[in-house]
């Protein structure tokens, strides 16, 4: 599996990426975390797993998670969150509050940044803070 996941970009290169790119990766990593946790902790069938997953990955939930853990972030992580939150995104889902969507993007940006920079232990700590 490790050979399938290639995270060879330097931290300098990752810093040059758009925060929306971090969020793009973070969205996937966070959803995989939630799905895996639900599979491990429940005996739900796929449709119910999907319904349950949505509760955690929707913009409002992610925004709430970020607000709950913000005081536990390092200064660097807060900078990453600020960059991701303030990035212009021209795609706003019709059913999401714009403020929640900005915070959700910031949360996903943080997750993506930590993943891409191979800060796996810190990512696990963040996920523990939002444990389902």
Protein backbone atom coordinates (compact mmCIF):
# COMPACT_ATOMS: atom_id res chain seq x y z
CA UNK A 1 0.00 0.00 0.00
CA UNK A 2 2.79 2.41 0.90
CA UNK A 3 4.13 2.33 -2.67
CA UNK A 4 0.70 3.42 -3.97
CA UNK A 5 0.81 6.59 -1.88
CA UNK A 6 3.58 8.83 -3.10
CA UNK A 7 4.09 11.93 -0.97
CA UNK A 8 7.45 13.06 -2.31
CA UNK A 9 6.84 16.78 -2.69
CA UNK A 10 9.04 18.90 -0.47
CA UNK A 11 7.47 21.00 2.25
CA UNK A 12 8.52 24.06 0.27
CA UNK A 13 6.63 22.76 -2.79
CA UNK A 14 3.59 21.95 -0.65
CA UNK A 15 3.64 25.47 0.81
CA UNK A 16 3.41 26.81 -2.74
CA UNK A 17 0.27 24.83 -3.51
CA UNK A 18 -3.09 26.52 -3.32
CA UNK A 19 -4.86 25.95 0.01
CA UNK A 20 -7.74 24.64 -2.11
CA UNK A 21 -5.40 21.86 -3.26
CA UNK A 22 -4.66 21.03 0.38
CA UNK A 23 -8.43 20.98 0.99
CA UNK A 24 -8.97 18.75 -2.05
CA UNK A 25 -6.62 16.15 -0.55
CA UNK A 26 -7.87 16.76 3.01
CA UNK A 27 -11.47 16.12 1.98
CA UNK A 28 -10.51 12.65 0.78
CA UNK A 29 -8.30 11.82 3.77
CA UNK A 30 -10.91 12.96 6.30
CA UNK A 31 -13.74 11.09 4.58
CA UNK A 32 -11.63 7.93 4.44
CA UNK A 33 -10.91 8.32 8.17
CA UNK A 34 -14.63 8.69 8.97
CA UNK A 35 -15.66 5.79 6.73
CA UNK A 36 -12.99 3.51 8.18
CA UNK A 37 -13.95 4.43 11.74
CA UNK A 38 -17.61 3.74 11.07
CA UNK A 39 -16.84 0.38 9.48
CA UNK A 40 -14.63 -0.53 12.45
CA UNK A 41 -17.06 0.67 15.14
CA UNK A 42 -20.46 -0.31 13.73
CA UNK A 43 -22.17 -3.13 11.89
CA UNK A 44 -24.07 -0.81 9.56
CA UNK A 45 -24.87 -1.75 5.98
CA UNK A 46 -23.42 0.43 3.19
CA UNK A 47 -26.45 2.72 2.78
CA UNK A 48 -26.58 3.42 6.53
CA UNK A 49 -22.79 3.90 6.54
CA UNK A 50 -23.23 6.54 3.86
CA UNK A 51 -25.98 8.31 5.81
CA UNK A 52 -23.86 8.26 8.98
CA UNK A 53 -20.74 9.46 7.12
CA UNK A 54 -22.58 12.50 5.80
CA UNK A 55 -23.21 13.64 9.38
CA UNK A 56 -19.46 14.03 9.88
CA UNK A 57 -18.26 15.24 6.49
CA UNK A 58 -20.86 17.92 5.75
CA UNK A 59 -19.66 21.54 5.91
CA UNK A 60 -21.45 22.39 9.17
CA UNK A 61 -19.91 19.42 11.00
CA UNK A 62 -16.41 20.17 9.73
CA UNK A 63 -16.77 23.85 10.63
CA UNK A 64 -17.88 22.89 14.13
CA UNK A 65 -14.95 20.47 14.49
CA UNK A 66 -12.47 23.15 13.49
CA UNK A 67 -13.96 25.67 15.92
CA UNK A 68 -13.80 23.05 18.70
CA UNK A 69 -10.10 22.25 18.17
CA UNK A 70 -8.80 25.66 17.08
CA UNK A 71 -7.36 26.51 20.50
CA UNK A 72 -5.32 23.26 20.38
CA UNK A 73 -3.62 24.12 17.09
CA UNK A 74 -0.06 25.34 16.81
CA UNK A 75 0.63 28.81 15.44
CA UNK A 76 1.73 27.25 12.12
CA UNK A 77 -1.49 25.23 11.94
CA UNK A 78 -3.54 28.36 12.64
CA UNK A 79 -1.74 30.04 9.73
CA UNK A 80 -2.63 27.11 7.48
CA UNK A 81 -6.25 27.34 8.62
CA UNK A 82 -6.32 31.10 7.97
CA UNK A 83 -4.88 30.66 4.49
CA UNK A 84 -7.37 27.93 3.61
CA UNK A 85 -10.34 29.78 5.12
CA UNK A 86 -9.53 33.02 3.28
CA UNK A 87 -8.86 31.46 -0.12
CA UNK A 88 -11.33 32.55 -2.78
CA UNK A 89 -13.53 29.63 -3.71
CA UNK A 90 -16.02 30.25 -6.48
CA UNK A 91 -17.92 27.07 -5.81
CA UNK A 92 -20.35 27.25 -2.90
CA UNK A 93 -22.83 24.40 -2.53
CA UNK A 94 -26.41 25.62 -2.59
CA UNK A 95 -27.25 23.94 0.72
CA UNK A 96 -24.24 25.12 2.75
CA UNK A 97 -23.88 28.30 4.75
CA UNK A 98 -20.96 30.29 3.23
CA UNK A 99 -19.28 30.79 6.63
CA UNK A 100 -19.55 27.07 7.44
CA UNK A 101 -18.21 26.22 4.00
CA UNK A 102 -15.18 28.49 4.53
CA UNK A 103 -14.43 26.87 7.89
CA UNK A 104 -14.95 23.39 6.42
CA UNK A 105 -12.50 24.25 3.64
CA UNK A 106 -10.06 25.44 6.31
CA UNK A 107 -10.45 22.15 8.23
CA UNK A 108 -9.92 20.12 5.06
CA UNK A 109 -6.96 22.35 4.16
CA UNK A 110 -5.34 21.61 7.51
CA UNK A 111 -5.92 17.87 7.11
CA UNK A 112 -4.55 17.91 3.56
CA UNK A 113 -1.51 19.98 4.53
CA UNK A 114 -0.65 17.68 7.44
CA UNK A 115 -1.09 14.63 5.24
CA UNK A 116 0.98 15.99 2.36
CA UNK A 117 3.80 17.07 4.68
CA UNK A 118 3.81 13.59 6.25
CA UNK A 119 2.85 14.86 9.70
CA UNK A 120 0.94 11.64 10.31
CA UNK A 121 1.29 11.66 14.11
CA UNK A 122 -0.13 15.18 14.31
CA UNK A 123 -2.91 14.21 11.93
CA UNK A 124 -3.79 11.31 14.24
CA UNK A 125 -3.88 13.75 17.18
CA UNK A 126 -6.23 16.06 15.24
CA UNK A 127 -8.47 13.14 14.34
CA UNK A 128 -8.53 12.03 17.99
CA UNK A 129 -9.82 15.50 18.91
CA UNK A 130 -12.79 14.99 16.57
CA UNK A 131 -13.22 11.29 17.36
CA UNK A 132 -16.53 9.84 16.34
